[in-house]
Amino acid sequence: MARLRRIVSRPSSGFRAEVDILPPMTANADLDARLIAAHEAGDPGVLSSLYGEAAYGAASEEARAFFLVHARVYALEAGDASAERYLGELRNMGRDE
């Protein structure tokens, strides 16, 4: 899986560690990797679909709303009709404002 990492070191003490810069976005490592790849490719249609997938597998309503908002924004950017479906789901959750 693609990970954004940074080396942290303190030469005077010999301390050296690698840390994740971007924490996992979902509980699904494969989905995280596909999201990162889609962001790197800059494909709003794929990003919309993947954020929609993440919304349906979200562990909380807060996470679901977060992913639905992103799915809608990328769908609008791509000119995809799914933007209205995502808005409808946000409305059903009381998250459309």
N, C-alpha and C. Protein backbone atom coordinates (compact mmCIF):
# COMPACT_ATOMS: atom_id res chain seq x y z
N MET A 1 0.84 -1.17 0.00
CA MET A 1 0.00 0.00 0.00
C MET A 1 0.89 1.24 0.00
N ALA A 2 0.48 2.23 -0.77
CA ALA A 2 1.22 3.49 -0.80
C ALA A 2 1.01 4.23 0.51
N ARG A 3 2.11 4.67 1.09
CA ARG A 3 2.03 5.43 2.35
C ARG A 3 2.91 6.65 2.23
N LEU A 4 2.45 7.73 2.80
CA LEU A 4 3.26 8.92 2.90
C LEU A 4 3.99 8.86 4.23
N ARG A 5 5.31 8.83 4.18
CA ARG A 5 6.10 8.68 5.40
C ARG A 5 7.14 9.77 5.49
N ARG A 6 7.58 10.02 6.70
CA ARG A 6 8.61 11.01 6.95
C ARG A 6 9.63 10.42 7.92
N ILE A 7 10.88 10.73 7.68
CA ILE A 7 11.95 10.30 8.58
C ILE A 7 12.10 11.37 9.68
N VAL A 8 12.07 10.94 10.90
CA VAL A 8 12.31 11.83 12.03
C VAL A 8 13.61 11.37 12.67
N SER A 9 14.54 12.30 12.82
CA SER A 9 15.82 11.89 13.42
C SER A 9 16.36 12.99 14.33
N ARG A 10 17.15 12.55 15.28
CA ARG A 10 17.89 13.42 16.19
C ARG A 10 19.33 12.92 16.18
N PRO A 11 20.15 13.48 15.29
CA PRO A 11 21.52 12.98 15.14
C PRO A 11 22.31 12.95 16.45
N SER A 12 22.09 13.93 17.30
CA SER A 12 22.87 13.98 18.54
C SER A 12 22.59 12.79 19.46
N SER A 13 21.39 12.25 19.38
CA SER A 13 21.04 11.12 20.26
C SER A 13 21.03 9.79 19.51
N GLY A 14 21.13 9.85 18.19
CA GLY A 14 21.08 8.62 17.40
C GLY A 14 19.65 8.15 17.14
N PHE A 15 18.66 8.93 17.55
CA PHE A 15 17.26 8.56 17.34
C PHE A 15 16.89 8.70 15.88
N ARG A 16 16.21 7.71 15.33
CA ARG A 16 15.73 7.76 13.96
C ARG A 16 14.46 6.93 13.87
N ALA A 17 13.43 7.47 13.25
CA ALA A 17 12.17 6.73 13.11
C ALA A 17 11.46 7.19 11.84
N GLU A 18 10.64 6.31 11.29
CA GLU A 18 9.76 6.65 10.18
C GLU A 18 8.36 6.74 10.73
N VAL A 19 7.67 7.81 10.37
CA VAL A 19 6.29 7.99 10.85
C VAL A 19 5.37 8.24 9.67
N ASP A 20 4.12 7.80 9.80
CA ASP A 20 3.12 8.06 8.77
C ASP A 20 2.73 9.53 8.82
N ILE A 21 2.70 10.16 7.66
CA ILE A 21 2.23 11.54 7.57
C ILE A 21 0.72 11.53 7.40
N LEU A 22 0.22 10.60 6.64
CA LEU A 22 -1.20 10.50 6.37
C LEU A 22 -1.73 9.25 7.04
N PRO A 23 -2.56 9.39 8.05
CA PRO A 23 -3.10 8.20 8.72
C PRO A 23 -4.08 7.49 7.80
N PRO A 24 -4.38 6.24 8.07
CA PRO A 24 -5.36 5.53 7.26
C PRO A 24 -6.69 6.30 7.24
N MET A 25 -7.32 6.37 6.07
CA MET A 25 -8.57 7.10 5.95
C MET A 25 -9.77 6.20 6.24
N THR A 26 -9.62 4.92 5.97
CA THR A 26 -10.71 3.97 6.19
C THR A 26 -10.15 2.76 6.93
N ALA A 27 -11.02 1.85 7.27
CA ALA A 27 -10.58 0.61 7.92
C ALA A 27 -10.13 -0.41 6.89
N ASN A 28 -10.16 -0.04 5.62
CA ASN A 28 -9.86 -0.94 4.51
C ASN A 28 -8.56 -0.47 3.83
N ALA A 29 -7.48 -1.20 4.04
CA ALA A 29 -6.18 -0.80 3.49
C ALA A 29 -6.20 -0.73 1.96
N ASP A 30 -6.92 -1.64 1.31
CA ASP A 30 -7.01 -1.62 -0.15
C ASP A 30 -7.72 -0.36 -0.63
N LEU A 31 -8.81 0.01 0.03
CA LEU A 31 -9.53 1.22 -0.33
C LEU A 31 -8.66 2.45 -0.10
N ASP A 32 -7.93 2.49 1.00
CA ASP A 32 -7.01 3.59 1.25
C ASP A 32 -5.99 3.73 0.11
N ALA A 33 -5.43 2.61 -0.31
CA ALA A 33 -4.43 2.63 -1.39
C ALA A 33 -5.05 3.13 -2.69
N ARG A 34 -6.28 2.70 -2.98
CA ARG A 34 -6.95 3.16 -4.20
C ARG A 34 -7.28 4.65 -4.13
N LEU A 35 -7.66 5.14 -2.94
CA LEU A 35 -7.92 6.57 -2.77
C LEU A 35 -6.65 7.39 -3.00
N ILE A 36 -5.55 6.94 -2.42
CA ILE A 36 -4.29 7.65 -2.59
C ILE A 36 -3.89 7.67 -4.06
N ALA A 37 -4.01 6.53 -4.73
CA ALA A 37 -3.66 6.46 -6.16
C ALA A 37 -4.56 7.37 -7.00
N ALA A 38 -5.85 7.42 -6.67
CA ALA A 38 -6.77 8.28 -7.42
C ALA A 38 -6.45 9.76 -7.18
N HIS A 39 -6.06 10.10 -5.96
CA HIS A 39 -5.65 11.49 -5.70
C HIS A 39 -4.39 11.82 -6.49
N GLU A 40 -3.44 10.90 -6.52
CA GLU A 40 -2.21 11.13 -7.28
C GLU A 40 -2.49 11.28 -8.77
N ALA A 41 -3.48 10.53 -9.28
CA ALA A 41 -3.85 10.59 -10.70
C ALA A 41 -4.73 11.81 -11.00
N GLY A 42 -5.38 12.36 -9.96
CA GLY A 42 -6.23 13.53 -10.16
C GLY A 42 -7.50 13.24 -10.93
N ASP A 43 -8.08 12.06 -10.74
CA ASP A 43 -9.28 11.65 -11.46
C ASP A 43 -10.52 11.84 -10.60
N PRO A 44 -11.30 12.92 -10.81
CA PRO A 44 -12.45 13.19 -9.94
C PRO A 44 -13.56 12.14 -10.03
N GLY A 45 -13.73 11.52 -11.19
CA GLY A 45 -14.76 10.48 -11.31
C GLY A 45 -14.45 9.27 -10.46
N VAL A 46 -13.20 8.84 -10.49
CA VAL A 46 -12.78 7.70 -9.67
C VAL A 46 -12.82 8.09 -8.19
N LEU A 47 -12.37 9.30 -7.88
CA LEU A 47 -12.39 9.76 -6.48
C LEU A 47 -13.81 9.77 -5.95
N SER A 48 -14.77 10.24 -6.73
CA SER A 48 -16.16 10.26 -6.30
C SER A 48 -16.65 8.85 -5.98
N SER A 49 -16.37 7.94 -6.87
CA SER A 49 -16.79 6.55 -6.67
C SER A 49 -16.15 5.94 -5.42
N LEU A 50 -14.86 6.18 -5.23
CA LEU A 50 -14.16 5.61 -4.08
C LEU A 50 -14.63 6.23 -2.76
N TYR A 51 -14.87 7.55 -2.74
CA TYR A 51 -15.39 8.16 -1.52
C TYR A 51 -16.80 7.66 -1.24
N GLY A 52 -17.57 7.41 -2.29
CA GLY A 52 -18.90 6.80 -2.09
C GLY A 52 -18.78 5.43 -1.48
N GLU A 53 -17.85 4.64 -1.97
CA GLU A 53 -17.59 3.31 -1.41
C GLU A 53 -17.19 3.42 0.06
N ALA A 54 -16.34 4.38 0.36
CA ALA A 54 -15.90 4.57 1.76
C ALA A 54 -17.09 4.97 2.64
N ALA A 55 -18.00 5.77 2.10
CA ALA A 55 -19.17 6.20 2.88
C ALA A 55 -20.02 5.00 3.28
N TYR A 56 -20.20 4.07 2.37
CA TYR A 56 -21.06 2.91 2.67
C TYR A 56 -20.42 1.95 3.66
N GLY A 57 -19.11 2.02 3.81
CA GLY A 57 -18.42 1.17 4.77
C GLY A 57 -17.97 1.91 6.01
N ALA A 58 -18.41 3.15 6.17
CA ALA A 58 -17.95 3.98 7.29
C ALA A 58 -18.41 3.42 8.63
N ALA A 59 -17.56 3.60 9.63
CA ALA A 59 -17.83 3.07 10.97
C ALA A 59 -18.76 3.96 11.78
N SER A 60 -18.94 5.22 11.38
CA SER A 60 -19.81 6.12 12.14
C SER A 60 -20.56 7.04 11.18
N GLU A 61 -21.60 7.66 11.69
CA GLU A 61 -22.36 8.60 10.87
C GLU A 61 -21.50 9.81 10.50
N GLU A 62 -20.65 10.23 11.43
CA GLU A 62 -19.74 11.36 11.17
C GLU A 62 -18.81 11.04 9.99
N ALA A 63 -18.23 9.85 10.01
CA ALA A 63 -17.34 9.43 8.93
C ALA A 63 -18.12 9.29 7.63
N ARG A 64 -19.33 8.74 7.71
CA ARG A 64 -20.15 8.59 6.50
C ARG A 64 -20.43 9.95 5.87
N ALA A 65 -20.79 10.93 6.68
CA ALA A 65 -21.06 12.27 6.16
C ALA A 65 -19.80 12.86 5.52
N PHE A 66 -18.65 12.69 6.17
CA PHE A 66 -17.38 13.18 5.63
C PHE A 66 -17.14 12.61 4.24
N PHE A 67 -17.28 11.29 4.11
CA PHE A 67 -17.02 10.65 2.82
C PHE A 67 -18.06 11.04 1.77
N LEU A 68 -19.34 11.19 2.18
CA LEU A 68 -20.37 11.59 1.23
C LEU A 68 -20.14 13.00 0.69
N VAL A 69 -19.71 13.90 1.56
CA VAL A 69 -19.40 15.26 1.09
C VAL A 69 -18.29 15.21 0.05
N HIS A 70 -17.25 14.45 0.32
CA HIS A 70 -16.15 14.34 -0.64
C HIS A 70 -16.62 13.66 -1.93
N ALA A 71 -17.44 12.63 -1.80
CA ALA A 71 -17.97 11.95 -2.99
C ALA A 71 -18.77 12.94 -3.84
N ARG A 72 -19.58 13.76 -3.20
CA ARG A 72 -20.40 14.75 -3.93
C ARG A 72 -19.52 15.79 -4.61
N VAL A 73 -18.54 16.33 -3.90
CA VAL A 73 -17.68 17.37 -4.49
C VAL A 73 -16.97 16.83 -5.73
N TYR A 74 -16.41 15.63 -5.62
CA TYR A 74 -15.71 15.07 -6.77
C TYR A 74 -16.68 14.69 -7.90
N ALA A 75 -17.88 14.27 -7.56
CA ALA A 75 -18.88 13.98 -8.59
C ALA A 75 -19.26 15.26 -9.34
N LEU A 76 -19.43 16.36 -8.60
CA LEU A 76 -19.71 17.64 -9.25
C LEU A 76 -18.56 18.04 -10.17
N GLU A 77 -17.34 17.87 -9.69
CA GLU A 77 -16.17 18.22 -10.50
C GLU A 77 -16.11 17.38 -11.78
N ALA A 78 -16.52 16.12 -11.67
CA ALA A 78 -16.48 15.22 -12.82
C ALA A 78 -17.71 15.35 -13.72
N GLY A 79 -18.72 16.11 -13.27
CA GLY A 79 -19.96 16.21 -14.04
C GLY A 79 -20.78 14.94 -13.97
N ASP A 80 -20.64 14.20 -12.88
CA ASP A 80 -21.30 12.91 -12.70
C ASP A 80 -22.66 13.10 -12.01
N ALA A 81 -23.68 12.43 -12.52
CA ALA A 81 -25.03 12.53 -11.97
C ALA A 81 -25.14 11.99 -10.55
N SER A 82 -24.18 11.20 -10.10
CA SER A 82 -24.23 10.66 -8.74
C SER A 82 -24.16 11.77 -7.68
N ALA A 83 -23.77 12.97 -8.07
CA ALA A 83 -23.71 14.10 -7.12
C ALA A 83 -25.06 14.32 -6.46
N GLU A 84 -26.13 14.18 -7.22
CA GLU A 84 -27.48 14.38 -6.66
C GLU A 84 -27.84 13.27 -5.68
N ARG A 85 -27.43 12.06 -5.98
CA ARG A 85 -27.68 10.94 -5.06
C ARG A 85 -26.96 11.17 -3.74
N TYR A 86 -25.71 11.60 -3.81
CA TYR A 86 -24.96 11.87 -2.59
C TYR A 86 -25.60 13.00 -1.79
N LEU A 87 -26.08 14.03 -2.49
CA LEU A 87 -26.77 15.12 -1.81
C LEU A 87 -28.03 14.61 -1.12
N GLY A 88 -28.77 13.74 -1.80
CA GLY A 88 -29.97 13.16 -1.19
C GLY A 88 -29.65 12.39 0.08
N GLU A 89 -28.56 11.65 0.06
CA GLU A 89 -28.17 10.90 1.25
C GLU A 89 -27.76 11.84 2.39
N LEU A 90 -27.06 12.91 2.03
CA LEU A 90 -26.70 13.90 3.05
C LEU A 90 -27.95 14.57 3.63
N ARG A 91 -28.92 14.85 2.78
CA ARG A 91 -30.18 15.44 3.25
C ARG A 91 -30.89 14.49 4.21
N ASN A 92 -30.91 13.22 3.86
CA ASN A 92 -31.56 12.22 4.73
C ASN A 92 -30.89 12.14 6.10
N MET A 93 -29.61 12.49 6.13
CA MET A 93 -28.87 12.48 7.39
C MET A 93 -28.95 13.84 8.10
N GLY A 94 -29.61 14.81 7.49
CA GLY A 94 -29.67 16.15 8.06
C GLY A 94 -28.36 16.90 7.92
N ARG A 95 -27.56 16.57 6.90
CA ARG A 95 -26.22 17.15 6.74
C ARG A 95 -26.09 17.93 5.43
N ASP A 96 -27.15 18.53 4.96
CA ASP A 96 -27.10 19.20 3.66
C ASP A 96 -26.85 20.70 3.74
N GLU A 97 -26.61 21.23 4.91
CA GLU A 97 -26.38 22.67 5.00
C GLU A 97 -24.93 22.97 5.29
